[in-house]
Amino acid sequence: MSTVTGVDAESAEQAKGVFERPDAAAEGAFQRPDAAAAGALWRPDAAAEGAFQRPGAAAEGALQRPGTAAAGAVEREVRLVDSDVHPSPRSFAELIEYLPDRWRKDPCLSRVEFDHSVYLPANQTGGPRADSFPADGSAAGSDPEMLERQLFVEAGVDIGILLPVAVPGMSNPEHEAALKSATNSWLADTWLGSYNREGRYRGSISVCAGLPELAVQEIERWAEHPDFVQVLIDPYLVDPLGKPQYRPIFAAAERHGLPVAVHINRTPGPVLLSPVGYPSYFAEFHPLYAMSYVTHFVSLIVEGAFERFESLKVVFVEGGVAWIAPMMWRLDNLYEELRAEVPWLRRRPSEYVADHVRATTQPLEETAKHADLCDHIAWIGSEDVVMFSSDYPHWDFDNPGEVLRRLTPEMQEHVMARNGIELYGLPETIRLGDA
């Protein structure tokens, strides 16, 4: 679904009253919080106990956001949660100050570029939609005023889950881990700090899954921050996720009640490799996003990850949803014949999905008949699995009005908001300053 501005008449009519917001004023301007008023930024070592000190927090623990005035605030029900929003630094230099000296002085830093891929056509301008670039020429998704206007005002999103993917997987895993650690510090200071004036952003702890020990350190570093709500890893790994080497990551995530999100990224090595070789075109590569997820999905179930980690949830982001039910059927079809090989499975494979698996809509499968898509979602057997995502600011952004139009009334509330609220522990309402 590549429409990036507006929706068709039918979508607009159905979405009317659902995504129109009282604060969607024409000016829609993001008022940057005054740096002095914002208060102290959170750091993992800020207090001996590791406690999060919210800027301006009242004694009773109420959340006060930088620059948010209590007087005249408007409280509104959360009706749209976007589970895949990509903020970006304005440039790579913005991350360098967060790196340890070893990496900040390393000349190889100058060779790392954002949004790099051998499969980006010239007309894709690196992946973002054409209207998402700030006027100063900085990266798409880097300007808080523009992002807030396009996501909150124009698309009607109430809360956005942030997944920074500017740093791809790298051939040097230590370098990757350092850059992802820097990304987390940058995200905490900006989009979860000074930019998060109304508390409408939640973040992801980026880790290098290829180095589980460092990944666990990073999870422990940020797990107590209230606005980091999940762990984020790339799918392009040496082994599928059910293998034992990833268990420390899952154990740390489960210990802190954090889902683990898996998101497509630009990564060297086997990222472009299909089971039968390399595709030639982006038009081949893009529809294959879900194929890596199928492998991880099967591995997590069959190798017993969900038996070992009974409360773990894994979120497959940017792979669509229609692949899930057919894989459930295939796994169940062979379970009776092959269960002796995997005696640790105490349930049929499909029965793990509702408790442990979540998937986001974008890029949503655009079936000729809307009922066909709804059938695939219903066949999953649980209304809790599928969550809305837009993939802002990328060119194949899914407009929420169009997604809403393709769902049955019974599915709409769960997909568009309820499942995200429950997975991430989000508030039922948001409190906004004067429009």
Protein backbone atom coordinates (compact mmCIF):
# COMPACT_ATOMS: atom_id res chain seq x y z
CA MET A 1 0.00 0.00 0.00
CA SER A 2 2.10 2.89 -1.23
CA THR A 3 -0.36 5.79 -0.87
CA VAL A 4 1.39 8.39 1.24
CA THR A 5 -0.91 11.39 1.22
CA GLY A 6 -4.58 11.18 1.97
CA VAL A 7 -6.95 8.29 1.45
CA ASP A 8 -9.57 7.58 -1.18
CA ALA A 9 -13.15 8.73 -0.65
CA GLU A 10 -14.34 5.43 0.77
CA SER A 11 -11.43 5.24 3.22
CA ALA A 12 -11.92 8.82 4.29
CA GLU A 13 -15.62 8.31 4.93
CA GLN A 14 -15.07 5.20 7.02
CA ALA A 15 -12.18 6.76 8.92
CA LYS A 16 -14.15 9.94 9.64
CA GLY A 17 -14.58 10.31 13.35
CA VAL A 18 -11.94 7.69 13.99
CA PHE A 19 -8.74 9.41 12.93
CA GLU A 20 -9.82 13.04 12.82
CA ARG A 21 -8.38 14.65 15.93
CA PRO A 22 -9.35 17.84 17.75
CA ASP A 23 -5.69 18.86 17.87
CA ALA A 24 -5.15 18.51 14.12
CA ALA A 25 -4.93 22.25 13.65
CA ALA A 26 -3.52 23.55 10.41
CA GLU A 27 -0.45 24.87 12.13
CA GLY A 28 0.16 21.54 13.91
CA ALA A 29 3.50 22.92 15.01
CA PHE A 30 5.78 20.96 17.28
CA GLN A 31 6.98 23.27 20.02
CA ARG A 32 10.45 22.17 20.94
CA PRO A 33 10.86 22.01 24.72
CA ASP A 34 13.24 24.54 26.12
CA ALA A 35 16.49 22.76 26.93
CA ALA A 36 16.67 24.29 30.38
CA ALA A 37 13.06 23.41 31.16
CA ALA A 38 13.43 19.83 30.04
CA GLY A 39 15.25 18.80 33.20
CA ALA A 40 17.90 16.16 33.57
CA LEU A 41 18.16 13.51 30.89
CA TRP A 42 18.02 9.90 32.03
CA ARG A 43 21.25 7.98 32.16
CA PRO A 44 21.67 4.38 33.30
CA ASP A 45 24.20 5.49 35.90
CA ALA A 46 22.33 8.61 36.99
CA ALA A 47 21.38 7.20 40.37
CA ALA A 48 23.01 4.55 42.50
CA GLU A 49 19.81 2.51 42.42
CA GLY A 50 19.48 2.89 38.65
CA ALA A 51 16.14 4.63 39.13
CA PHE A 52 14.64 6.65 36.33
CA GLN A 53 14.27 10.28 37.25
CA ARG A 54 11.48 11.74 35.15
CA PRO A 55 11.89 15.43 34.34
CA GLY A 56 9.76 17.43 36.72
CA ALA A 57 8.09 14.33 38.16
CA ALA A 58 5.76 14.96 41.03
CA ALA A 59 6.40 13.24 44.34
CA GLU A 60 3.59 10.80 43.73
CA GLY A 61 5.32 9.55 40.58
CA ALA A 62 3.08 11.14 37.94
CA LEU A 63 4.72 11.33 34.56
CA GLN A 64 5.54 14.87 33.59
CA ARG A 65 6.97 15.36 30.11
CA PRO A 66 9.40 18.12 29.18
CA GLY A 67 7.57 21.21 28.07
CA THR A 68 4.08 19.80 28.70
CA ALA A 69 1.83 22.27 30.45
CA ALA A 70 -0.68 20.76 32.85
CA ALA A 71 -3.09 23.67 32.54
CA GLY A 72 -5.59 23.29 29.72
CA ALA A 73 -4.42 19.81 28.78
CA VAL A 74 -6.80 17.57 26.85
CA GLU A 75 -7.13 13.88 27.65
CA ARG A 76 -8.00 11.60 24.73
CA GLU A 77 -8.59 7.90 24.26
CA VAL A 78 -5.81 5.99 22.48
CA ARG A 79 -7.36 4.65 19.27
CA LEU A 80 -4.35 4.24 16.98
CA VAL A 81 -0.98 2.73 17.91
CA ASP A 82 1.69 2.62 15.20
CA SER A 83 4.07 -0.28 15.90
CA ASP A 84 6.72 0.66 13.32
CA VAL A 85 8.01 4.23 13.18
CA HIS A 86 11.59 4.96 12.12
CA PRO A 87 13.27 8.05 13.58
CA SER A 88 16.70 8.88 12.28
CA PRO A 89 19.63 11.06 13.32
CA ARG A 90 20.01 14.12 11.14
CA SER A 91 23.39 12.77 10.09
CA PHE A 92 25.82 10.11 11.18
CA ALA A 93 27.78 12.76 13.08
CA GLU A 94 24.88 13.00 15.53
CA LEU A 95 25.64 9.45 16.74
CA ILE A 96 29.41 9.80 16.97
CA GLU A 97 29.33 11.78 20.23
CA TYR A 98 27.66 8.80 21.92
CA LEU A 99 30.35 6.31 20.88
CA PRO A 100 33.25 5.24 23.12
CA ASP A 101 36.63 6.74 22.19
CA ARG A 102 37.80 3.53 20.54
CA TRP A 103 35.10 3.76 17.90
CA ARG A 104 34.77 7.53 17.70
CA LYS A 105 38.41 7.78 16.56
CA ASP A 106 38.25 4.79 14.21
CA PRO A 107 38.53 5.84 10.53
CA CYS A 108 36.11 3.08 9.52
CA LEU A 109 33.29 5.23 10.91
CA SER A 110 33.53 7.46 7.86
CA ARG A 111 32.58 4.52 5.67
CA VAL A 112 29.26 3.82 7.42
CA GLU A 113 26.29 5.37 5.66
CA PHE A 114 22.61 5.35 6.49
CA ASP A 115 20.00 3.58 4.35
CA HIS A 116 22.57 1.88 2.17
CA SER A 117 21.49 -1.08 0.04
CA VAL A 118 22.45 -2.51 -3.32
CA TYR A 119 18.72 -2.92 -3.98
CA LEU A 120 17.49 0.65 -3.74
CA PRO A 121 16.22 1.96 -7.09
CA ALA A 122 17.19 5.49 -8.00
CA ASN A 123 13.63 6.74 -7.61
CA GLN A 124 13.44 5.45 -4.01
CA THR A 125 15.87 8.10 -2.70
CA GLY A 126 17.23 5.70 -0.11
CA GLY A 127 13.86 4.31 0.95
CA PRO A 128 11.89 7.22 2.49
CA ARG A 129 8.77 8.72 0.94
CA ALA A 130 9.46 11.86 -1.03
CA ASP A 131 7.58 14.24 1.29
CA SER A 132 9.38 13.15 4.46
CA PHE A 133 12.70 14.96 3.90
CA PRO A 134 13.20 18.15 5.95
CA ALA A 135 13.83 21.35 4.04
CA ASP A 136 17.42 21.51 5.29
CA GLY A 137 18.26 18.26 3.48
CA SER A 138 18.78 16.15 6.60
CA ALA A 139 17.60 12.55 6.84
CA ALA A 140 13.94 11.60 6.61
CA GLY A 141 12.49 10.97 10.05
CA SER A 142 15.01 13.26 11.74
CA ASP A 143 12.95 16.42 12.22
CA PRO A 144 10.57 16.21 15.22
CA GLU A 145 8.24 18.92 13.94
CA MET A 146 7.78 17.22 10.56
CA LEU A 147 7.46 13.74 12.04
CA GLU A 148 4.88 14.86 14.58
CA ARG A 149 2.84 16.63 11.90
CA GLN A 150 2.91 13.74 9.43
CA LEU A 151 2.41 10.97 11.99
CA PHE A 152 0.20 12.46 14.69
CA VAL A 153 -1.76 15.11 12.79
CA GLU A 154 -2.01 13.82 9.22
CA ALA A 155 -2.07 10.07 9.91
CA GLY A 156 -3.93 10.35 13.23
CA VAL A 157 -1.55 8.18 15.25
CA ASP A 158 -1.83 8.47 19.03
CA ILE A 159 1.31 6.61 20.13
CA GLY A 160 4.29 5.61 17.98
CA ILE A 161 6.66 2.73 18.70
CA LEU A 162 10.11 3.82 17.54
CA LEU A 163 12.44 1.36 15.81
CA PRO A 164 15.69 3.08 14.74
CA VAL A 165 17.14 1.16 11.80
CA ALA A 166 19.71 3.66 10.55
CA VAL A 167 22.50 1.37 11.79
CA PRO A 168 22.37 -1.89 9.82
CA GLY A 169 23.93 -5.21 10.67
CA MET A 170 27.66 -5.06 10.00
CA SER A 171 30.46 -7.45 9.13
CA ASN A 172 32.25 -6.39 12.33
CA PRO A 173 29.80 -7.32 15.13
CA GLU A 174 31.68 -5.34 17.79
CA HIS A 175 31.39 -2.21 15.67
CA GLU A 176 27.70 -2.94 15.13
CA ALA A 177 27.16 -3.41 18.88
CA ALA A 178 28.92 -0.11 19.63
CA LEU A 179 26.83 1.79 17.10
CA LYS A 180 23.61 0.26 18.38
CA SER A 181 24.56 1.14 21.92
CA ALA A 182 25.17 4.71 20.76
CA THR A 183 21.78 4.63 19.01
CA ASN A 184 20.09 3.76 22.30
CA SER A 185 21.75 6.66 24.11
CA TRP A 186 20.83 9.01 21.27
CA LEU A 187 17.21 7.79 21.25
CA ALA A 188 16.90 8.24 25.01
CA ASP A 189 18.19 11.82 24.83
CA THR A 190 16.11 12.88 21.82
CA TRP A 191 12.93 11.04 20.84
CA LEU A 192 12.38 9.62 24.34
CA GLY A 193 13.72 12.77 25.97
CA SER A 194 13.60 16.33 24.70
CA TYR A 195 11.35 15.52 21.69
CA ASN A 196 8.85 13.46 23.70
CA ARG A 197 6.96 16.40 25.12
CA GLU A 198 3.59 14.63 25.32
CA GLY A 199 4.80 11.13 26.02
CA ARG A 200 3.57 9.76 22.69
CA TYR A 201 6.76 7.91 21.75
CA ARG A 202 8.03 4.58 23.03
CA GLY A 203 11.40 3.16 22.02
CA SER A 204 13.23 -0.06 21.21
CA ILE A 205 16.55 -1.20 22.68
CA SER A 206 18.71 -1.96 19.63
CA VAL A 207 21.15 -4.83 20.13
CA CYS A 208 23.54 -6.91 18.05
CA ALA A 209 22.17 -10.46 18.33
CA GLY A 210 25.43 -11.84 16.94
CA LEU A 211 27.11 -10.97 20.25
CA PRO A 212 24.60 -12.12 22.87
CA GLU A 213 26.78 -11.12 25.83
CA LEU A 214 26.92 -7.49 24.67
CA ALA A 215 23.23 -7.62 23.74
CA VAL A 216 22.35 -8.64 27.29
CA GLN A 217 24.51 -5.84 28.71
CA GLU A 218 22.61 -3.34 26.57
CA ILE A 219 19.24 -4.74 27.64
CA GLU A 220 20.24 -4.49 31.30
CA ARG A 221 21.48 -0.94 30.71
CA TRP A 222 18.12 0.33 29.47
CA ALA A 223 15.48 -2.08 30.77
CA GLU A 224 14.43 0.17 33.67
CA HIS A 225 13.85 3.17 31.40
CA PRO A 226 10.03 3.38 31.26
CA ASP A 227 9.86 4.41 27.61
CA PHE A 228 11.95 1.56 26.19
CA VAL A 229 9.29 -1.10 25.63
CA GLN A 230 11.01 -3.81 23.56
CA VAL A 231 14.31 -5.24 22.34
CA LEU A 232 15.12 -4.84 18.63
CA ILE A 233 17.21 -7.26 16.54
CA ASP A 234 17.89 -7.83 12.84
CA PRO A 235 16.64 -11.07 11.22
CA TYR A 236 19.77 -11.67 9.17
CA LEU A 237 21.74 -13.93 11.47
CA VAL A 238 24.11 -16.88 11.23
CA ASP A 239 21.47 -19.20 12.70
CA PRO A 240 17.68 -19.05 13.18
CA LEU A 241 16.45 -17.61 16.44
CA GLY A 242 15.48 -20.89 18.09
CA LYS A 243 19.14 -21.88 18.44
CA PRO A 244 20.70 -21.95 21.93
CA GLN A 245 23.10 -19.03 21.42
CA TYR A 246 20.21 -16.54 21.47
CA ARG A 247 18.77 -17.79 24.76
CA PRO A 248 20.59 -15.20 26.90
CA ILE A 249 18.90 -12.43 24.90
CA PHE A 250 15.48 -13.98 25.36
CA ALA A 251 16.13 -14.63 29.03
CA ALA A 252 17.05 -10.97 29.62
CA ALA A 253 14.04 -9.73 27.66
CA GLU A 254 11.68 -12.05 29.51
CA ARG A 255 13.18 -11.12 32.87
CA HIS A 256 12.30 -7.48 32.22
CA GLY A 257 8.96 -8.12 30.54
CA LEU A 258 10.17 -6.85 27.15
CA PRO A 259 9.00 -8.28 23.81
CA VAL A 260 11.69 -8.96 21.20
CA ALA A 261 11.02 -7.28 17.86
CA VAL A 262 12.61 -8.58 14.66
CA HIS A 263 12.82 -6.01 11.86
CA ILE A 264 14.09 -6.09 8.29
CA ASN A 265 17.27 -4.06 7.75
CA ARG A 266 20.04 -3.52 5.24
CA THR A 267 22.72 -6.02 6.22
CA PRO A 268 25.81 -7.40 4.47
CA GLY A 269 26.18 -11.11 3.82
CA PRO A 270 23.19 -13.42 3.47
CA VAL A 271 20.57 -10.64 3.67
CA LEU A 272 19.89 -10.89 -0.07
CA LEU A 273 20.17 -14.65 -0.32
CA SER A 274 17.02 -16.64 -1.07
CA PRO A 275 16.92 -20.46 -0.65
CA VAL A 276 17.87 -20.79 -4.32
CA GLY A 277 20.26 -17.87 -4.85
CA TYR A 278 20.23 -14.11 -5.14
CA PRO A 279 17.34 -12.14 -6.65
CA SER A 280 18.20 -9.59 -9.30
CA TYR A 281 15.78 -6.79 -8.49
CA PHE A 282 14.29 -4.94 -5.57
CA ALA A 283 10.91 -5.98 -6.99
CA GLU A 284 11.94 -9.56 -6.12
CA PHE A 285 13.62 -8.77 -2.79
CA HIS A 286 10.79 -6.75 -1.23
CA PRO A 287 8.10 -9.48 -1.46
CA LEU A 288 10.58 -11.92 0.13
CA TYR A 289 10.81 -9.98 3.41
CA ALA A 290 8.55 -12.51 5.11
CA MET A 291 10.70 -15.48 4.09
CA SER A 292 13.33 -14.85 6.76
CA TYR A 293 10.53 -14.50 9.30
CA VAL A 294 9.12 -17.89 8.32
CA THR A 295 12.45 -19.52 9.20
CA HIS A 296 12.71 -17.78 12.57
CA PHE A 297 9.04 -18.46 13.34
CA VAL A 298 9.43 -22.18 12.73
CA SER A 299 12.73 -22.33 14.61
CA LEU A 300 11.39 -20.56 17.70
CA ILE A 301 8.46 -22.95 17.94
CA VAL A 302 10.11 -26.24 17.01
CA GLU A 303 13.33 -25.73 18.99
CA GLY A 304 11.30 -25.00 22.10
CA ALA A 305 12.03 -21.31 22.76
CA PHE A 306 8.46 -20.72 23.84
CA GLU A 307 8.54 -23.70 26.19
CA ARG A 308 11.75 -22.46 27.78
CA PHE A 309 10.60 -18.82 27.97
CA GLU A 310 6.97 -19.07 28.92
CA SER A 311 6.18 -15.35 28.86
CA LEU A 312 8.38 -14.36 25.89
CA LYS A 313 6.74 -12.55 22.98
CA VAL A 314 8.40 -12.09 19.59
CA VAL A 315 7.16 -9.40 17.19
CA PHE A 316 7.75 -9.82 13.46
CA VAL A 317 7.80 -6.29 12.05
CA GLU A 318 7.43 -5.35 8.38
CA GLY A 319 6.67 -8.79 7.00
CA GLY A 320 2.90 -8.65 6.58
CA VAL A 321 0.58 -11.19 8.17
CA ALA A 322 -0.80 -13.62 5.57
CA TRP A 323 2.14 -16.05 5.94
CA ILE A 324 1.34 -16.97 9.55
CA ALA A 325 -1.73 -19.20 9.22
CA PRO A 326 -0.32 -21.38 6.38
CA MET A 327 2.83 -22.03 8.41
CA MET A 328 0.73 -22.95 11.43
CA TRP A 329 -1.10 -25.50 9.28
CA ARG A 330 2.12 -26.98 7.93
CA LEU A 331 3.62 -27.34 11.39
CA ASP A 332 0.49 -28.96 12.78
CA ASN A 333 0.18 -31.35 9.83
CA LEU A 334 3.53 -32.96 10.70
CA TYR A 335 3.34 -32.71 14.46
CA GLU A 336 1.86 -36.14 15.16
CA GLU A 337 4.25 -37.93 12.80
CA LEU A 338 7.41 -36.12 13.97
CA ARG A 339 6.73 -35.19 17.59
CA ALA A 340 9.11 -37.88 18.84
CA GLU A 341 11.95 -35.79 17.38
CA VAL A 342 10.91 -32.75 19.45
CA PRO A 343 9.59 -34.18 22.73
CA TRP A 344 9.92 -30.83 24.51
CA LEU A 345 6.87 -29.52 22.66
CA ARG A 346 3.91 -29.98 24.97
CA ARG A 347 1.39 -28.40 22.61
CA ARG A 348 0.63 -28.44 18.93
CA PRO A 349 2.84 -25.85 17.19
CA SER A 350 -0.08 -23.59 16.30
CA GLU A 351 -1.05 -23.30 19.95
CA TYR A 352 2.09 -21.31 20.77
CA VAL A 353 1.25 -18.50 18.38
CA ALA A 354 -1.45 -16.65 20.31
CA ASP A 355 0.66 -16.59 23.48
CA HIS A 356 4.03 -15.77 21.98
CA VAL A 357 3.88 -14.28 18.47
CA ARG A 358 2.85 -10.84 17.22
CA ALA A 359 3.07 -9.45 13.68
CA THR A 360 2.61 -5.98 12.25
CA THR A 361 0.52 -5.20 9.22
CA GLN A 362 2.89 -3.31 6.92
CA PRO A 363 3.41 -4.17 4.11
CA LEU A 364 -0.16 -5.37 4.26
CA GLU A 365 -1.15 -7.95 1.69
CA GLU A 366 -3.51 -6.20 -0.73
CA THR A 367 -5.96 -8.93 -1.69
CA ALA A 368 -8.49 -8.29 -4.44
CA LYS A 369 -11.26 -9.04 -1.97
CA HIS A 370 -10.94 -7.60 1.52
CA ALA A 371 -12.61 -10.71 2.91
CA ASP A 372 -9.66 -12.82 1.77
CA LEU A 373 -7.23 -10.83 3.92
CA CYS A 374 -9.61 -10.96 6.88
CA ASP A 375 -9.88 -14.72 6.47
CA HIS A 376 -6.10 -15.06 6.75
CA ILE A 377 -6.09 -12.98 9.94
CA ALA A 378 -9.01 -14.97 11.37
CA TRP A 379 -7.30 -18.27 10.55
CA ILE A 380 -4.52 -17.36 12.98
CA GLY A 381 -7.09 -18.18 15.62
CA SER A 382 -6.52 -15.22 17.92
CA GLU A 383 -7.55 -11.58 17.74
CA ASP A 384 -4.44 -10.60 19.72
CA VAL A 385 -1.68 -11.32 17.17
CA VAL A 386 -1.88 -8.60 14.49
CA MET A 387 -0.93 -4.95 15.17
CA PHE A 388 -1.11 -1.91 12.91
CA SER A 389 2.11 -0.42 11.57
CA SER A 390 2.73 2.31 9.00
CA ASP A 391 6.50 2.00 8.42
CA TYR A 392 6.79 5.80 8.47
CA PRO A 393 8.68 7.48 6.82
CA HIS A 394 9.36 4.87 4.13
CA TRP A 395 8.00 4.99 0.60
CA ASP A 396 5.70 1.97 1.13
CA PHE A 397 4.04 3.63 4.14
CA ASP A 398 0.61 2.15 4.91
CA ASN A 399 -2.09 4.74 5.50
CA PRO A 400 -4.15 3.82 8.59
CA GLY A 401 -7.40 4.77 6.89
CA GLU A 402 -6.72 2.29 4.12
CA VAL A 403 -5.80 -0.48 6.56
CA LEU A 404 -8.93 0.23 8.60
CA ARG A 405 -11.05 -0.10 5.46
CA ARG A 406 -9.71 -3.61 4.81
CA LEU A 407 -10.58 -4.98 8.25
CA THR A 408 -13.86 -6.25 9.62
CA PRO A 409 -15.43 -4.10 12.35
CA GLU A 410 -14.61 -6.86 14.84
CA MET A 411 -10.90 -6.69 13.96
CA GLN A 412 -10.48 -2.94 13.80
CA GLU A 413 -10.11 -2.07 17.48
CA HIS A 414 -7.72 -4.95 18.20
CA VAL A 415 -5.47 -4.35 15.20
CA MET A 416 -5.42 -0.56 15.28
CA ALA A 417 -4.89 -0.05 19.03
CA ARG A 418 -5.86 -2.72 21.56
CA ASN A 419 -3.12 -5.25 20.77
CA GLY A 420 -0.41 -2.60 20.87
CA ILE A 421 -1.71 -1.18 24.14
CA GLU A 422 -1.66 -4.59 25.79
CA LEU A 423 1.69 -5.76 24.40
CA TYR A 424 3.61 -2.61 25.29
CA GLY A 425 1.74 -1.64 28.45
CA LEU A 426 0.57 1.65 26.93
CA PRO A 427 -1.91 4.00 28.56
CA GLU A 428 -5.57 3.92 27.58
CA THR A 429 -5.52 7.69 27.15
CA ILE A 430 -2.99 10.35 26.24
CA ARG A 431 -2.86 13.83 27.70
CA LEU A 432 -2.14 16.59 25.25
CA GLY A 433 -1.29 20.23 25.80
CA ASP A 434 -3.41 23.05 24.41
CA ALA A 435 -3.92 22.71 20.63
